[in-house]
């Protein structure tokens, strides 16, 4: 039996690129897939850049999957220099996730994969990212407009990706997600061969040379889109049962090439409260044999 037989998935951005590849892969492996997007060849057409479109998607998915949803694959939109990117990619993604949470909880092994980008390895717009993480869509939109007006619109897609990565790291282990059995992780693809990549980034040799420096992919540039779809397929499956809040870079080695071992140069830092708790329980563990011996002697 396939990992996906009998499971129902919702895939956003399914009208092209990585979203379409993920939807095809999951369907070919036995899943029921509800494809969402703005194009004509989807099951649910909705624009996630505004509240009416987000509500429409949630309501239509609820109508089609009354018994619940086993997994969400939430794919950010194509790279864009418009402020719309922030509304669609960040706030639209989180609105769908929040709106469909009740359907996830009706299933035994719910999984969520947020698909961002390895471009999140580089710096984004701090004002946009900060406003996103504060949940202030109006302020994030205003900051995005400033970025576009100052010629920095190219930072917006990766700013939304950075904010999504950070939101997952902050939220995935919370009671409302991991605490209720809803597994949430990120796949951050490198540059892979999609129609959008061919049209926007791969057609110009000079631009391609820039990318080779900004996002080095030792395993090849562009990479195979199926490799990303396969990673998504496993992460949304029931087998992925013990991983939460992880950002998995399927990027041809870009993360390792750019950051080396820097993320692991220091261990975790514990606050005073956590340190106090660990010391208390450690002392109890050390004292237990003595206490039990003393109790036995007194009882004798």
C-alpha atoms as a PDB file:
ATOM      1  CA  UNK A   1       0.000   0.000   0.000  1.00  0.00           C
ATOM      2  CA  UNK A   2       1.287   3.488  -0.897  1.00  0.00           C
ATOM      3  CA  UNK A   3       2.152   5.955   1.854  1.00  0.00           C
ATOM      4  CA  UNK A   4      -0.592   8.188   0.495  1.00  0.00           C
ATOM      5  CA  UNK A   5      -3.492   5.889  -0.287  1.00  0.00           C
ATOM      6  CA  UNK A   6      -6.608   6.921   1.576  1.00  0.00           C
ATOM      7  CA  UNK A   7      -5.183  10.324   2.483  1.00  0.00           C
ATOM      8  CA  UNK A   8      -6.591  13.678   1.382  1.00  0.00           C
ATOM      9  CA  UNK A   9      -4.253  16.597   0.724  1.00  0.00           C
ATOM     10  CA  UNK A  10      -4.743  20.264  -0.080  1.00  0.00           C
ATOM     11  CA  UNK A  11      -2.047  21.814  -2.272  1.00  0.00           C
ATOM     12  CA  UNK A  12      -1.921  25.565  -2.831  1.00  0.00           C
ATOM     13  CA  UNK A  13      -0.013  27.018  -5.763  1.00  0.00           C
ATOM     14  CA  UNK A  14      -0.992  23.865  -7.649  1.00  0.00           C
ATOM     15  CA  UNK A  15      -1.437  25.699 -10.947  1.00  0.00           C
ATOM     16  CA  UNK A  16       2.269  25.641 -11.736  1.00  0.00           C
ATOM     17  CA  UNK A  17       5.836  24.983 -10.714  1.00  0.00           C
ATOM     18  CA  UNK A  18       6.577  23.135  -7.485  1.00  0.00           C
ATOM     19  CA  UNK A  19       2.928  23.137  -6.386  1.00  0.00           C
ATOM     20  CA  UNK A  20       1.826  21.412  -9.582  1.00  0.00           C
ATOM     21  CA  UNK A  21       4.680  18.891  -9.334  1.00  0.00           C
ATOM     22  CA  UNK A  22       3.809  18.100  -5.719  1.00  0.00           C
ATOM     23  CA  UNK A  23       0.120  17.659  -6.578  1.00  0.00           C
ATOM     24  CA  UNK A  24       0.926  15.326  -9.481  1.00  0.00           C
ATOM     25  CA  UNK A  25       3.307  13.274  -7.368  1.00  0.00           C
ATOM     26  CA  UNK A  26       0.860  12.840  -4.505  1.00  0.00           C
ATOM     27  CA  UNK A  27      -2.009  11.933  -6.833  1.00  0.00           C
ATOM     28  CA  UNK A  28       0.172   9.413  -8.697  1.00  0.00           C
ATOM     29  CA  UNK A  29       0.964   7.770  -5.372  1.00  0.00           C
ATOM     30  CA  UNK A  30      -2.643   7.217  -4.434  1.00  0.00           C
ATOM     31  CA  UNK A  31      -3.728  10.358  -2.598  1.00  0.00           C
ATOM     32  CA  UNK A  32      -6.816  12.417  -3.160  1.00  0.00           C
ATOM     33  CA  UNK A  33      -5.507  15.903  -3.946  1.00  0.00           C
ATOM     34  CA  UNK A  34      -7.511  19.116  -3.808  1.00  0.00           C
ATOM     35  CA  UNK A  35      -5.590  21.491  -6.061  1.00  0.00           C
ATOM     36  CA  UNK A  36      -5.847  25.187  -5.263  1.00  0.00           C
ATOM     37  CA  UNK A  37      -4.569  28.179  -7.185  1.00  0.00           C
ATOM     38  CA  UNK A  38      -5.503  31.015  -9.502  1.00  0.00           C
ATOM     39  CA  UNK A  39      -5.198  29.164 -12.813  1.00  0.00           C
ATOM     40  CA  UNK A  40      -7.948  27.376 -14.725  1.00  0.00           C
ATOM     41  CA  UNK A  41      -6.736  23.804 -14.107  1.00  0.00           C
ATOM     42  CA  UNK A  42      -7.354  23.623 -10.362  1.00  0.00           C
ATOM     43  CA  UNK A  43     -10.172  22.351  -8.176  1.00  0.00           C
ATOM     44  CA  UNK A  44     -10.466  25.490  -6.062  1.00  0.00           C
ATOM     45  CA  UNK A  45      -9.749  28.861  -7.628  1.00  0.00           C
ATOM     46  CA  UNK A  46      -8.897  31.497  -5.046  1.00  0.00           C
ATOM     47  CA  UNK A  47      -6.650  34.514  -4.673  1.00  0.00           C
ATOM     48  CA  UNK A  48      -4.834  34.396  -1.335  1.00  0.00           C
ATOM     49  CA  UNK A  49      -3.761  38.035  -1.493  1.00  0.00           C
ATOM     50  CA  UNK A  50      -6.944  39.180   0.269  1.00  0.00           C
ATOM     51  CA  UNK A  51      -9.433  37.998   2.876  1.00  0.00           C
ATOM     52  CA  UNK A  52     -12.310  37.136   0.487  1.00  0.00           C
ATOM     53  CA  UNK A  53     -10.077  34.797  -1.522  1.00  0.00           C
ATOM     54  CA  UNK A  54      -8.696  33.164   1.613  1.00  0.00           C
ATOM     55  CA  UNK A  55     -12.179  32.647   3.027  1.00  0.00           C
ATOM     56  CA  UNK A  56     -13.368  31.233  -0.295  1.00  0.00           C
ATOM     57  CA  UNK A  57     -10.594  28.641  -0.336  1.00  0.00           C
ATOM     58  CA  UNK A  58     -11.229  27.542   3.247  1.00  0.00           C
ATOM     59  CA  UNK A  59     -14.972  27.261   2.699  1.00  0.00           C
ATOM     60  CA  UNK A  60     -14.658  25.341  -0.558  1.00  0.00           C
ATOM     61  CA  UNK A  61     -12.110  22.902   0.868  1.00  0.00           C
ATOM     62  CA  UNK A  62     -14.377  22.351   3.883  1.00  0.00           C
ATOM     63  CA  UNK A  63     -17.232  21.543   1.499  1.00  0.00           C
ATOM     64  CA  UNK A  64     -15.114  19.062  -0.443  1.00  0.00           C
ATOM     65  CA  UNK A  65     -13.455  17.398   2.557  1.00  0.00           C
ATOM     66  CA  UNK A  66     -16.057  17.231   5.297  1.00  0.00           C
ATOM     67  CA  UNK A  67     -14.302  14.280   6.903  1.00  0.00           C
ATOM     68  CA  UNK A  68     -11.084  16.201   7.304  1.00  0.00           C
ATOM     69  CA  UNK A  69      -7.759  16.796   5.589  1.00  0.00           C
ATOM     70  CA  UNK A  70      -4.676  14.642   6.168  1.00  0.00           C
ATOM     71  CA  UNK A  71      -2.167  17.173   4.961  1.00  0.00           C
ATOM     72  CA  UNK A  72      -1.536  20.638   3.600  1.00  0.00           C
ATOM     73  CA  UNK A  73       1.167  21.581   1.113  1.00  0.00           C
ATOM     74  CA  UNK A  74       1.255  25.366   1.178  1.00  0.00           C
ATOM     75  CA  UNK A  75       3.384  26.614  -1.709  1.00  0.00           C
ATOM     76  CA  UNK A  76       4.442  30.244  -1.872  1.00  0.00           C
ATOM     77  CA  UNK A  77       3.802  32.027  -5.158  1.00  0.00           C
ATOM     78  CA  UNK A  78       6.374  32.685  -7.881  1.00  0.00           C
ATOM     79  CA  UNK A  79       9.092  35.266  -7.303  1.00  0.00           C
ATOM     80  CA  UNK A  80       7.675  38.757  -7.643  1.00  0.00           C
ATOM     81  CA  UNK A  81       8.829  42.311  -6.965  1.00  0.00           C
ATOM     82  CA  UNK A  82       5.318  43.432  -6.032  1.00  0.00           C
ATOM     83  CA  UNK A  83       3.982  44.146  -2.547  1.00  0.00           C
ATOM     84  CA  UNK A  84       1.268  41.606  -3.406  1.00  0.00           C
ATOM     85  CA  UNK A  85       3.874  38.919  -2.653  1.00  0.00           C
ATOM     86  CA  UNK A  86       3.789  39.666   1.071  1.00  0.00           C
ATOM     87  CA  UNK A  87      -0.013  39.523   1.229  1.00  0.00           C
ATOM     88  CA  UNK A  88      -0.245  36.311  -0.769  1.00  0.00           C
ATOM     89  CA  UNK A  89       2.807  34.352   0.349  1.00  0.00           C
ATOM     90  CA  UNK A  90       2.927  35.164   4.051  1.00  0.00           C
ATOM     91  CA  UNK A  91      -0.507  36.258   5.208  1.00  0.00           C
ATOM     92  CA  UNK A  92      -2.381  34.133   2.679  1.00  0.00           C
ATOM     93  CA  UNK A  93      -0.440  31.014   3.664  1.00  0.00           C
ATOM     94  CA  UNK A  94      -1.039  31.503   7.384  1.00  0.00           C
ATOM     95  CA  UNK A  95      -4.715  32.326   6.856  1.00  0.00           C
ATOM     96  CA  UNK A  96      -5.229  29.037   4.992  1.00  0.00           C
ATOM     97  CA  UNK A  97      -3.311  27.152   7.660  1.00  0.00           C
ATOM     98  CA  UNK A  98      -5.410  28.656  10.448  1.00  0.00           C
ATOM     99  CA  UNK A  99      -8.654  28.208   8.539  1.00  0.00           C
ATOM    100  CA  UNK A 100      -8.048  24.528   7.780  1.00  0.00           C
ATOM    101  CA  UNK A 101      -6.666  23.578  11.200  1.00  0.00           C
ATOM    102  CA  UNK A 102     -10.024  22.188  12.293  1.00  0.00           C
ATOM    103  CA  UNK A 103     -10.047  19.835   9.280  1.00  0.00           C
ATOM    104  CA  UNK A 104      -6.520  18.673  10.065  1.00  0.00           C
ATOM    105  CA  UNK A 105      -7.531  17.772  13.597  1.00  0.00           C
ATOM    106  CA  UNK A 106     -10.225  15.428  12.340  1.00  0.00           C
ATOM    107  CA  UNK A 107      -7.517  13.110  11.013  1.00  0.00           C
ATOM    108  CA  UNK A 108      -5.215  10.745  12.881  1.00  0.00           C
ATOM    109  CA  UNK A 109      -1.896  11.814  11.337  1.00  0.00           C
ATOM    110  CA  UNK A 110      -2.146  15.408  10.091  1.00  0.00           C
ATOM    111  CA  UNK A 111       0.870  16.934   8.358  1.00  0.00           C
ATOM    112  CA  UNK A 112       1.678  20.419   7.076  1.00  0.00           C
ATOM    113  CA  UNK A 113       4.490  21.330   4.688  1.00  0.00           C
ATOM    114  CA  UNK A 114       5.097  25.022   4.065  1.00  0.00           C
ATOM    115  CA  UNK A 115       7.128  25.475   0.895  1.00  0.00           C
ATOM    116  CA  UNK A 116       9.305  28.598   0.943  1.00  0.00           C
ATOM    117  CA  UNK A 117      12.656  29.099  -0.803  1.00  0.00           C
ATOM    118  CA  UNK A 118      16.391  28.754  -0.301  1.00  0.00           C
ATOM    119  CA  UNK A 119      16.558  32.448  -1.161  1.00  0.00           C
ATOM    120  CA  UNK A 120      15.685  32.847   2.530  1.00  0.00           C
ATOM    121  CA  UNK A 121      19.373  32.129   3.220  1.00  0.00           C
ATOM    122  CA  UNK A 122      20.143  35.721   2.234  1.00  0.00           C
ATOM    123  CA  UNK A 123      18.985  38.921   3.903  1.00  0.00           C
ATOM    124  CA  UNK A 124      15.509  40.336   3.398  1.00  0.00           C
ATOM    125  CA  UNK A 125      13.742  43.561   4.274  1.00  0.00           C
ATOM    126  CA  UNK A 126      13.806  43.867   8.058  1.00  0.00           C
ATOM    127  CA  UNK A 127      10.719  46.079   8.285  1.00  0.00           C
ATOM    128  CA  UNK A 128       8.640  43.698   6.187  1.00  0.00           C
ATOM    129  CA  UNK A 129       9.794  40.642   8.129  1.00  0.00           C
ATOM    130  CA  UNK A 130       9.181  42.307  11.495  1.00  0.00           C
ATOM    131  CA  UNK A 131       5.665  43.393  10.530  1.00  0.00           C
ATOM    132  CA  UNK A 132       4.859  39.909   9.224  1.00  0.00           C
ATOM    133  CA  UNK A 133       5.980  38.229  12.429  1.00  0.00           C
ATOM    134  CA  UNK A 134       3.900  40.693  14.436  1.00  0.00           C
ATOM    135  CA  UNK A 135       0.881  39.689  12.350  1.00  0.00           C
ATOM    136  CA  UNK A 136       0.299  43.242  11.146  1.00  0.00           C
ATOM    137  CA  UNK A 137      -0.668  42.898   7.485  1.00  0.00           C
ATOM    138  CA  UNK A 138      -1.359  46.592   6.981  1.00  0.00           C
ATOM    139  CA  UNK A 139       2.079  47.570   8.273  1.00  0.00           C
ATOM    140  CA  UNK A 140       3.771  44.797   6.272  1.00  0.00           C
ATOM    141  CA  UNK A 141       2.031  45.997   3.127  1.00  0.00           C
ATOM    142  CA  UNK A 142       3.133  49.572   3.767  1.00  0.00           C
ATOM    143  CA  UNK A 143       6.738  48.446   4.324  1.00  0.00           C
ATOM    144  CA  UNK A 144       6.563  46.439   1.105  1.00  0.00           C
ATOM    145  CA  UNK A 145       5.351  49.498  -0.799  1.00  0.00           C
ATOM    146  CA  UNK A 146       8.309  51.461   0.525  1.00  0.00           C
ATOM    147  CA  UNK A 147      10.656  48.691  -0.624  1.00  0.00           C
ATOM    148  CA  UNK A 148       9.154  48.711  -4.126  1.00  0.00           C
ATOM    149  CA  UNK A 149       9.319  52.505  -4.355  1.00  0.00           C
ATOM    150  CA  UNK A 150      12.994  52.473  -3.368  1.00  0.00           C
ATOM    151  CA  UNK A 151      13.890  49.830  -5.943  1.00  0.00           C
ATOM    152  CA  UNK A 152      14.106  46.944  -3.466  1.00  0.00           C
ATOM    153  CA  UNK A 153      11.047  45.025  -4.610  1.00  0.00           C
ATOM    154  CA  UNK A 154      13.271  42.068  -5.420  1.00  0.00           C
ATOM    155  CA  UNK A 155      13.709  41.489  -1.681  1.00  0.00           C
ATOM    156  CA  UNK A 156      10.026  40.880  -1.023  1.00  0.00           C
ATOM    157  CA  UNK A 157       9.718  37.233  -2.054  1.00  0.00           C
ATOM    158  CA  UNK A 158      12.631  36.197   0.117  1.00  0.00           C
ATOM    159  CA  UNK A 159      11.414  38.446   2.933  1.00  0.00           C
ATOM    160  CA  UNK A 160       8.110  36.557   2.940  1.00  0.00           C
ATOM    161  CA  UNK A 161      10.031  33.274   2.838  1.00  0.00           C
ATOM    162  CA  UNK A 162      12.226  34.312   5.783  1.00  0.00           C
ATOM    163  CA  UNK A 163       9.155  35.343   7.769  1.00  0.00           C
ATOM    164  CA  UNK A 164       7.429  32.014   7.054  1.00  0.00           C
ATOM    165  CA  UNK A 165      10.538  30.068   8.069  1.00  0.00           C
ATOM    166  CA  UNK A 166      10.757  32.001  11.311  1.00  0.00           C
ATOM    167  CA  UNK A 167       7.038  31.642  12.010  1.00  0.00           C
ATOM    168  CA  UNK A 168       7.299  27.871  11.663  1.00  0.00           C
ATOM    169  CA  UNK A 169      10.328  27.767  13.962  1.00  0.00           C
ATOM    170  CA  UNK A 170       8.462  29.836  16.538  1.00  0.00           C
ATOM    171  CA  UNK A 171       5.097  28.111  16.266  1.00  0.00           C
ATOM    172  CA  UNK A 172       5.427  24.475  15.180  1.00  0.00           C
ATOM    173  CA  UNK A 173       6.150  23.150  18.672  1.00  0.00           C
ATOM    174  CA  UNK A 174       3.290  25.060  20.307  1.00  0.00           C
ATOM    175  CA  UNK A 175       0.325  23.343  21.903  1.00  0.00           C
ATOM    176  CA  UNK A 176      -2.004  24.209  19.021  1.00  0.00           C
ATOM    177  CA  UNK A 177       0.257  22.441  16.524  1.00  0.00           C
ATOM    178  CA  UNK A 178       2.680  19.763  17.775  1.00  0.00           C
ATOM    179  CA  UNK A 179       0.795  19.654  21.064  1.00  0.00           C
ATOM    180  CA  UNK A 180      -2.305  18.443  19.253  1.00  0.00           C
ATOM    181  CA  UNK A 181      -0.438  16.134  16.882  1.00  0.00           C
ATOM    182  CA  UNK A 182      -0.321  18.481  13.870  1.00  0.00           C
ATOM    183  CA  UNK A 183       3.183  18.179  12.392  1.00  0.00           C
ATOM    184  CA  UNK A 184       4.398  21.389  10.714  1.00  0.00           C
ATOM    185  CA  UNK A 185       7.660  21.704   8.764  1.00  0.00           C
ATOM    186  CA  UNK A 186       9.193  23.680   5.905  1.00  0.00           C
ATOM    187  CA  UNK A 187      10.724  22.642   2.600  1.00  0.00           C
ATOM    188  CA  UNK A 188      12.965  25.385   1.217  1.00  0.00           C
ATOM    189  CA  UNK A 189      13.843  24.527  -2.393  1.00  0.00           C
ATOM    190  CA  UNK A 190      16.788  25.886  -4.265  1.00  0.00           C
ATOM    191  CA  UNK A 191      16.496  27.045  -7.852  1.00  0.00           C
ATOM    192  CA  UNK A 192      14.878  24.229  -9.798  1.00  0.00           C
ATOM    193  CA  UNK A 193      13.710  23.992 -13.380  1.00  0.00           C
ATOM    194  CA  UNK A 194      10.251  25.501 -13.504  1.00  0.00           C
ATOM    195  CA  UNK A 195       8.609  27.597 -16.215  1.00  0.00           C
ATOM    196  CA  UNK A 196       8.892  30.686 -14.013  1.00  0.00           C
ATOM    197  CA  UNK A 197      12.604  30.083 -13.376  1.00  0.00           C
ATOM    198  CA  UNK A 198      13.288  29.593 -17.090  1.00  0.00           C
ATOM    199  CA  UNK A 199      11.477  32.794 -17.988  1.00  0.00           C
ATOM    200  CA  UNK A 200      12.730  35.031 -15.189  1.00  0.00           C
ATOM    201  CA  UNK A 201      16.140  33.805 -14.055  1.00  0.00           C
ATOM    202  CA  UNK A 202      17.627  31.242 -16.411  1.00  0.00           C
ATOM    203  CA  UNK A 203      17.162  33.017 -19.739  1.00  0.00           C
ATOM    204  CA  UNK A 204      19.844  35.653 -19.105  1.00  0.00           C
ATOM    205  CA  UNK A 205      23.428  34.384 -18.779  1.00  0.00           C
ATOM    206  CA  UNK A 206      24.560  37.350 -16.679  1.00  0.00           C
ATOM    207  CA  UNK A 207      21.671  36.830 -14.268  1.00  0.00           C
ATOM    208  CA  UNK A 208      22.531  33.140 -14.112  1.00  0.00           C
ATOM    209  CA  UNK A 209      26.109  34.006 -13.158  1.00  0.00           C
ATOM    210  CA  UNK A 210      24.805  36.201 -10.349  1.00  0.00           C
ATOM    211  CA  UNK A 211      22.698  33.315  -9.092  1.00  0.00           C
ATOM    212  CA  UNK A 212      25.647  30.926  -9.149  1.00  0.00           C
ATOM    213  CA  UNK A 213      27.376  33.228  -6.676  1.00  0.00           C
ATOM    214  CA  UNK A 214      24.363  34.219  -4.570  1.00  0.00           C
ATOM    215  CA  UNK A 215      22.925  30.704  -4.340  1.00  0.00           C
ATOM    216  CA  UNK A 216      25.650  28.173  -5.188  1.00  0.00           C
ATOM    217  CA  UNK A 217      24.207  24.719  -5.822  1.00  0.00           C
ATOM    218  CA  UNK A 218      27.048  22.176  -6.052  1.00  0.00           C
ATOM    219  CA  UNK A 219      24.640  19.462  -7.188  1.00  0.00           C
ATOM    220  CA  UNK A 220      23.516  21.508 -10.174  1.00  0.00           C
ATOM    221  CA  UNK A 221      21.756  24.715 -11.169  1.00  0.00           C
ATOM    222  CA  UNK A 222      18.931  24.515 -11.942  1.00  0.00           C
ATOM    223  CA  UNK A 223      18.037  21.415  -9.973  1.00  0.00           C
ATOM    224  CA  UNK A 224      15.371  18.795 -10.745  1.00  0.00           C
ATOM    225  CA  UNK A 225      11.891  19.761  -9.646  1.00  0.00           C
ATOM    226  CA  UNK A 226      10.985  16.139  -8.921  1.00  0.00           C
ATOM    227  CA  UNK A 227      13.547  16.013  -6.106  1.00  0.00           C
ATOM    228  CA  UNK A 228      11.608  18.751  -4.336  1.00  0.00           C
ATOM    229  CA  UNK A 229       8.259  17.070  -4.987  1.00  0.00           C
ATOM    230  CA  UNK A 230       9.599  13.794  -3.555  1.00  0.00           C
ATOM    231  CA  UNK A 231      10.782  15.536  -0.382  1.00  0.00           C
ATOM    232  CA  UNK A 232       7.393  17.188   0.033  1.00  0.00           C
ATOM    233  CA  UNK A 233       5.638  13.861  -0.529  1.00  0.00           C
ATOM    234  CA  UNK A 234       7.530  12.194   2.305  1.00  0.00           C
ATOM    235  CA  UNK A 235       7.183  15.132   4.688  1.00  0.00           C
ATOM    236  CA  UNK A 236       3.396  15.243   4.252  1.00  0.00           C
ATOM    237  CA  UNK A 237       3.073  11.484   4.681  1.00  0.00           C
ATOM    238  CA  UNK A 238       2.153   9.594   7.826  1.00  0.00           C
ATOM    239  CA  UNK A 239       5.741   8.291   8.020  1.00  0.00           C
ATOM    240  CA  UNK A 240       6.992  11.749   8.953  1.00  0.00           C
ATOM    241  CA  UNK A 241       5.936  11.375  12.568  1.00  0.00           C
ATOM    242  CA  UNK A 242       8.789  12.771  14.673  1.00  0.00           C
ATOM    243  CA  UNK A 243       9.990  15.993  13.047  1.00  0.00           C
ATOM    244  CA  UNK A 244       8.529  19.388  13.864  1.00  0.00           C
ATOM    245  CA  UNK A 245       9.571  22.931  13.080  1.00  0.00           C
ATOM    246  CA  UNK A 246      12.371  21.909  10.724  1.00  0.00           C
ATOM    247  CA  UNK A 247      13.457  23.868   7.666  1.00  0.00           C
ATOM    248  CA  UNK A 248      14.641  21.288   5.149  1.00  0.00           C
ATOM    249  CA  UNK A 249      16.705  22.858   2.394  1.00  0.00           C
ATOM    250  CA  UNK A 250      16.314  20.848  -0.816  1.00  0.00           C
ATOM    251  CA  UNK A 251      18.740  23.121  -2.534  1.00  0.00           C
ATOM    252  CA  UNK A 252      21.553  21.217  -4.215  1.00  0.00           C
ATOM    253  CA  UNK A 253      23.837  22.023  -1.283  1.00  0.00           C
ATOM    254  CA  UNK A 254      23.351  25.812  -1.194  1.00  0.00           C
ATOM    255  CA  UNK A 255      22.710  25.983   2.558  1.00  0.00           C
ATOM    256  CA  UNK A 256      25.865  24.020   3.372  1.00  0.00           C
ATOM    257  CA  UNK A 257      27.905  25.964   0.807  1.00  0.00           C
ATOM    258  CA  UNK A 258      26.831  29.346   2.169  1.00  0.00           C
ATOM    259  CA  UNK A 259      26.556  28.756   5.912  1.00  0.00           C
ATOM    260  CA  UNK A 260      28.958  25.841   6.432  1.00  0.00           C
ATOM    261  CA  UNK A 261      28.648  24.806  10.090  1.00  0.00           C
ATOM    262  CA  UNK A 262      27.748  28.269  11.416  1.00  0.00           C
ATOM    263  CA  UNK A 263      24.219  27.333  12.611  1.00  0.00           C
ATOM    264  CA  UNK A 264      25.794  24.647  14.819  1.00  0.00           C
ATOM    265  CA  UNK A 265      28.813  26.541  16.142  1.00  0.00           C
ATOM    266  CA  UNK A 266      27.083  27.144  19.473  1.00  0.00           C
ATOM    267  CA  UNK A 267      24.809  24.952  21.517  1.00  0.00           C
ATOM    268  CA  UNK A 268      21.353  25.842  22.781  1.00  0.00           C
ATOM    269  CA  UNK A 269      21.156  28.659  25.333  1.00  0.00           C
ATOM    270  CA  UNK A 270      18.869  28.008  28.312  1.00  0.00           C
ATOM    271  CA  UNK A 271      17.254  30.757  30.346  1.00  0.00           C
ATOM    272  CA  UNK A 272      17.347  30.963  34.167  1.00  0.00           C
ATOM    273  CA  UNK A 273      13.967  29.244  34.566  1.00  0.00           C
ATOM    274  CA  UNK A 274      14.968  26.268  32.399  1.00  0.00           C
ATOM    275  CA  UNK A 275      18.317  26.009  34.173  1.00  0.00           C
ATOM    276  CA  UNK A 276      16.582  26.048  37.545  1.00  0.00           C
ATOM    277  CA  UNK A 277      14.206  23.279  36.526  1.00  0.00           C
ATOM    278  CA  UNK A 278      17.008  21.093  35.183  1.00  0.00           C
ATOM    279  CA  UNK A 279      19.065  21.574  38.361  1.00  0.00           C
ATOM    280  CA  UNK A 280      16.058  20.709  40.546  1.00  0.00           C
ATOM    281  CA  UNK A 281      15.268  17.479  38.717  1.00  0.00           C
ATOM    282  CA  UNK A 282      18.926  16.541  38.475  1.00  0.00           C
ATOM    283  CA  UNK A 283      19.372  16.918  42.242  1.00  0.00           C
ATOM    284  CA  UNK A 284      16.230  14.863  42.834  1.00  0.00           C
ATOM    285  CA  UNK A 285      17.567  12.108  40.580  1.00  0.00           C
ATOM    286  CA  UNK A 286      20.901  12.067  42.409  1.00  0.00           C
ATOM    287  CA  UNK A 287      19.273  12.098  45.834  1.00  0.00           C
ATOM    288  CA  UNK A 288      16.716   9.373  45.091  1.00  0.00           C
ATOM    289  CA  UNK A 289      18.943   6.334  45.897  1.00  0.00           C
ATOM    290  CA  UNK A 290      19.944   7.886  49.235  1.00  0.00           C
ATOM    291  CA  UNK A 291      16.333   8.766  50.083  1.00  0.00           C
ATOM    292  CA  UNK A 292      15.132   5.263  49.213  1.00  0.00           C
ATOM    293  CA  UNK A 293      17.903   3.695  51.283  1.00  0.00           C
ATOM    294  CA  UNK A 294      17.081   5.917  54.232  1.00  0.00           C
ATOM    295  CA  UNK A 295      13.397   5.149  53.877  1.00  0.00           C
ATOM    296  CA  UNK A 296      14.149   1.407  53.864  1.00  0.00           C
ATOM    297  CA  UNK A 297      16.246   1.659  57.011  1.00  0.00           C
ATOM    298  CA  UNK A 298      13.590   3.649  58.821  1.00  0.00           C
ATOM    299  CA  UNK A 299      10.947   1.187  57.733  1.00  0.00           C
ATOM    300  CA  UNK A 300      13.077  -1.699  59.006  1.00  0.00           C
END
